[in-house]
Amino acid sequence: MARGGGRAGSLKDKLDGNELDLSLCDLSEVPVRELAALPKATVLDLSCNNLVSLPSDFCSLTHLVKLDLSKNRLQQLPVDFGRLVSLQHLDLLNNRLVTLPVSFAQLKNLKWLDVKDNPLDPALAKVAGDCLDEKQCKQAAVRVLQHMRVIQAEQDRERQRRLQAEREMEKKREAEQRAREAQEREARKREKAEEKERRRREYDAQRAAKQEMEKKTKKETVHTRKPASSPRPPQPSRHKPSCSRAVLRAVLLLLLCVLSTLAVCKLTELQHQPLCVSVNALYEDVVAAVQNHKTLQNMLQQNSQQ
């Protein structure tokens, strides 16, 4: 088979029963598609090639029971290598592996394992031990599986702890979110109540101002109407002095006429006229009455003194 995965001949020509020998073919890639078409090839030999890595679809070859990957340049195995659940015999001698994937713990049918001559992690190398004979290789398979299962369990526990921590954190975030939402709702309620109270106070203030304005307007209306409704009473008071003066003038004028008539009747030649005779007689009667009144008043005063 040519370098880079080319084929020198059909894989079927290399199939011997259930064994397929692809060793020393200078392979740098694994022909996974062609291998998948040969489910009878449960024993696969890929040793002594130039494989640096295995493709992820290599793990779909679940029919493999024995696999030889020794004397390559593999630096790591696919993460889901544990899908090869039918695998019983695995040779990884002389590669460049430092560790094994955790899914390796799923190879429950693995009975034989060789990981010598790899730069393994010291802990993994100590667990695997030597594989110098059949017994040691079988023990290596058992110990490595147990070790990987412990690692897998620890990772599962760590994953569960992370998931639990994430769930708790999520619950905490949800609780905090609910608390914030509740606080926001309460704040909105308070703001709404304060706004209602503010508007109520404004309404009350406007109503009180309106009522006060109405009262003031009524008072001004009453004060304005009073002078207009009572102009007549003062008029008699203004007319009374005028009437009194008119009466006084009339009396004075009459007295003046009487005096003038009396003077004319006393001092002029008209005193012998019938009118003047009557006036003079009336004047003498008035004078006599006044003198009698004075005499009577003097007598009363004398009687009161006695």
Foldseek 3Di string as FASTA:
>chain_A
DAEAPDDPDQQVVQDDQLAGEPAPVQYQADPQVSVCVCLSNQAYEHAHHAHQAYDPCNLVSLSHAEYEHAHYAHAAYDLQNLSNLNYAYYEHHQYAYAEYHLSLLNNVNHQFYANPNYNYDVVLCVQQDHPPDRVSRRSSSVSNSVVSVVVVVVVVVVVVVVVVVVVVVVVVVVVVVVVVVVVVVVVVVVVVVVVVVVVVVVVVVVVVVVVVVVVVVVVVVVVVVVCVVPPPVVVVVVCVVVVVVVVVVVVVVVVVVLVVLQCCLVPHPCVPPPVNVVSVVVVVVVVVVVVVVVVVVVVVVVVVVD
